[in-house]
Amino acid sequence: MILADKRDYKRGYTKHYNAYQILRKSNNCLKSRRLLLVYCVECGLKYKLLDKWKENNSRAIISNDKDVRKPILTSHSLSKIIKELGQAGTFRFPKAIETNHGDYVNDETFHQMCRYGITEKNEMNNCECAYEEELIKIAEWLKEVM
């Protein structure tokens, strides 16, 4: 893992969210825009973690295997980070998405589904849309509290 500071996380949130909004407005690149949204939310949440922990960068945390914060900061589990921020009751991801390969995707692996262009087994379920809507709620909350 490479070093990122609060400024980097905030910039990542802002840049990815702006790009996401442009793609959403034009209704283009569905998987790519969702991938940007996931990464925007992850950056924003990690910014909030460092802010909560009164740390300016991640160096002390990621270089110490005994630091209990390391698995949270290095995780892709958005629900784990949301829980650490005290927002577990506010934001809830829908049920796991079954892929066309029979795998199950949750908030920790949703970015992989988007990155690889994997489709939902039954697109009529609209689970991907539900994930996107929850991610938008989180992104908008982050915009208010950053």
Protein backbone atom coordinates (compact mmCIF):
# COMPACT_ATOMS: atom_id res chain seq x y z
CA MET A 1 0.00 0.00 0.00
CA ILE A 2 1.32 3.44 -0.85
CA LEU A 3 1.16 6.48 1.39
CA ALA A 4 -1.83 8.78 1.02
CA ASP A 5 -2.61 11.80 3.12
CA LYS A 6 -5.88 13.57 3.84
CA ARG A 7 -5.32 15.96 0.94
CA ASP A 8 -4.85 13.01 -1.45
CA TYR A 9 -8.03 11.30 -0.24
CA LYS A 10 -10.02 14.51 -0.53
CA ARG A 11 -8.68 15.18 -4.02
CA GLY A 12 -9.47 11.58 -5.04
CA TYR A 13 -13.01 11.96 -3.75
CA THR A 14 -13.55 15.26 -5.57
CA LYS A 15 -12.00 14.25 -8.91
CA HIS A 16 -13.75 10.88 -9.06
CA TYR A 17 -17.12 12.30 -8.01
CA ASN A 18 -16.95 15.08 -10.59
CA ALA A 19 -16.11 12.57 -13.34
CA TYR A 20 -18.89 10.27 -12.11
CA GLN A 21 -21.43 13.11 -12.26
CA ILE A 22 -20.43 13.98 -15.83
CA LEU A 23 -20.87 10.36 -16.94
CA ARG A 24 -24.16 10.03 -15.06
CA LYS A 25 -25.56 13.19 -16.62
CA SER A 26 -24.81 11.84 -20.11
CA ASN A 27 -25.92 8.32 -19.07
CA ASN A 28 -22.70 6.89 -20.44
CA CYS A 29 -20.21 4.20 -19.46
CA LEU A 30 -22.34 2.55 -16.78
CA LYS A 31 -19.68 0.22 -15.34
CA SER A 32 -16.95 2.88 -15.52
CA ARG A 33 -19.05 5.52 -13.83
CA ARG A 34 -19.97 3.09 -11.04
CA LEU A 35 -16.30 2.24 -10.60
CA LEU A 36 -15.49 5.94 -10.25
CA LEU A 37 -18.30 6.26 -7.72
CA VAL A 38 -16.99 3.37 -5.61
CA TYR A 39 -13.49 4.83 -5.57
CA CYS A 40 -14.78 8.32 -4.86
CA VAL A 41 -16.69 7.02 -1.83
CA GLU A 42 -13.72 4.95 -0.64
CA CYS A 43 -11.45 8.02 -0.85
CA GLY A 44 -13.95 10.20 0.98
CA LEU A 45 -14.49 7.64 3.72
CA LYS A 46 -10.76 7.20 4.22
CA TYR A 47 -10.40 10.97 4.45
CA LYS A 48 -13.03 10.92 7.21
CA LEU A 49 -11.18 8.08 8.98
CA LEU A 50 -7.94 10.04 9.10
CA ASP A 51 -9.86 13.09 10.25
CA LYS A 52 -11.57 11.12 13.02
CA TRP A 53 -8.27 9.60 14.13
CA LYS A 54 -6.57 13.02 13.99
CA GLU A 55 -3.96 11.76 11.53
CA ASN A 56 -2.75 13.74 8.53
CA ASN A 57 -1.48 10.73 6.60
CA SER A 58 -1.62 6.97 6.69
CA ARG A 59 2.10 6.28 7.28
CA ALA A 60 1.96 5.52 11.02
CA ILE A 61 -1.10 3.30 10.58
CA ILE A 62 -0.10 1.24 7.55
CA SER A 63 3.48 0.71 8.72
CA ASN A 64 2.38 -0.81 12.04
CA ASP A 65 0.92 -4.32 11.74
CA LYS A 66 -0.25 -4.14 15.36
CA ASP A 67 -2.30 -0.97 14.84
CA VAL A 68 -5.96 -2.00 15.05
CA ARG A 69 -6.83 0.75 12.57
CA LYS A 70 -4.73 -0.76 9.77
CA PRO A 71 -7.27 -3.41 8.64
CA ILE A 72 -9.94 -0.73 8.47
CA LEU A 73 -7.85 1.79 6.53
CA THR A 74 -6.49 -0.80 4.08
CA SER A 75 -9.87 -2.43 3.50
CA HIS A 76 -12.16 -2.10 0.50
CA SER A 77 -15.09 -2.95 2.78
CA LEU A 78 -17.11 0.23 2.70
CA SER A 79 -19.50 -1.06 5.36
CA LYS A 80 -16.56 -1.69 7.72
CA ILE A 81 -15.34 1.88 7.23
CA ILE A 82 -18.87 3.27 7.58
CA LYS A 83 -19.27 1.37 10.83
CA GLU A 84 -16.00 2.79 12.16
CA LEU A 85 -17.31 6.27 11.32
CA GLY A 86 -20.50 5.63 13.31
CA GLN A 87 -22.77 5.69 10.24
CA ALA A 88 -23.75 2.00 10.05
CA GLY A 89 -27.41 2.74 10.69
CA THR A 90 -27.47 5.56 8.16
CA PHE A 91 -26.10 3.72 5.14
CA ARG A 92 -26.91 0.12 4.25
CA PHE A 93 -25.97 -1.75 1.15
CA PRO A 94 -28.56 -4.00 -0.47
CA LYS A 95 -28.27 -7.77 -0.63
CA ALA A 96 -25.33 -9.37 -2.36
CA ILE A 97 -25.44 -9.38 -6.15
CA GLU A 98 -25.20 -12.72 -7.91
CA THR A 99 -23.02 -12.47 -11.00
CA ASN A 100 -23.51 -14.26 -14.29
CA HIS A 101 -20.72 -16.60 -13.08
CA GLY A 102 -22.56 -17.53 -9.88
CA ASP A 103 -20.31 -15.50 -7.57
CA TYR A 104 -21.71 -13.13 -4.96
CA VAL A 105 -20.65 -9.51 -4.79
CA ASN A 106 -20.93 -7.28 -1.72
CA ASP A 107 -19.77 -3.76 -0.85
CA GLU A 108 -16.17 -5.00 -0.52
CA THR A 109 -16.04 -6.56 -3.98
CA PHE A 110 -18.45 -4.34 -5.95
CA HIS A 111 -15.50 -2.38 -7.37
CA GLN A 112 -14.19 -5.61 -8.95
CA MET A 113 -17.52 -6.30 -10.62
CA CYS A 114 -17.40 -2.80 -12.13
CA ARG A 115 -13.71 -2.94 -13.01
CA TYR A 116 -14.00 -6.23 -14.89
CA GLY A 117 -17.36 -5.46 -16.49
CA ILE A 118 -19.04 -8.49 -14.90
CA THR A 119 -22.80 -8.54 -15.24
CA GLU A 120 -25.51 -9.34 -12.76
CA LYS A 121 -27.06 -12.80 -13.20
CA ASN A 122 -30.59 -11.48 -13.35
CA GLU A 123 -30.45 -7.90 -14.51
CA MET A 124 -34.14 -7.55 -13.67
CA ASN A 125 -33.15 -7.52 -9.98
CA ASN A 126 -31.53 -4.10 -10.40
CA CYS A 127 -29.16 -4.77 -7.48
CA GLU A 128 -26.38 -2.87 -9.23
CA CYS A 129 -28.67 0.15 -9.44
CA ALA A 130 -29.44 -0.16 -5.73
CA TYR A 131 -25.71 -0.22 -4.92
CA GLU A 132 -25.20 2.87 -7.07
CA GLU A 133 -28.02 4.71 -5.30
CA GLU A 134 -26.58 3.91 -1.86
CA LEU A 135 -23.14 5.02 -2.99
CA ILE A 136 -24.63 8.31 -4.20
CA LYS A 137 -26.18 8.86 -0.76
CA ILE A 138 -22.78 8.31 0.84
CA ALA A 139 -21.02 10.57 -1.68
CA GLU A 140 -23.53 13.36 -1.03
CA TRP A 141 -23.12 12.96 2.74
CA LEU A 142 -19.35 13.16 2.30
CA LYS A 143 -19.72 16.35 0.29
CA GLU A 144 -21.60 17.89 3.22
CA VAL A 145 -19.13 16.81 5.94
CA MET A 146 -15.78 17.36 4.21
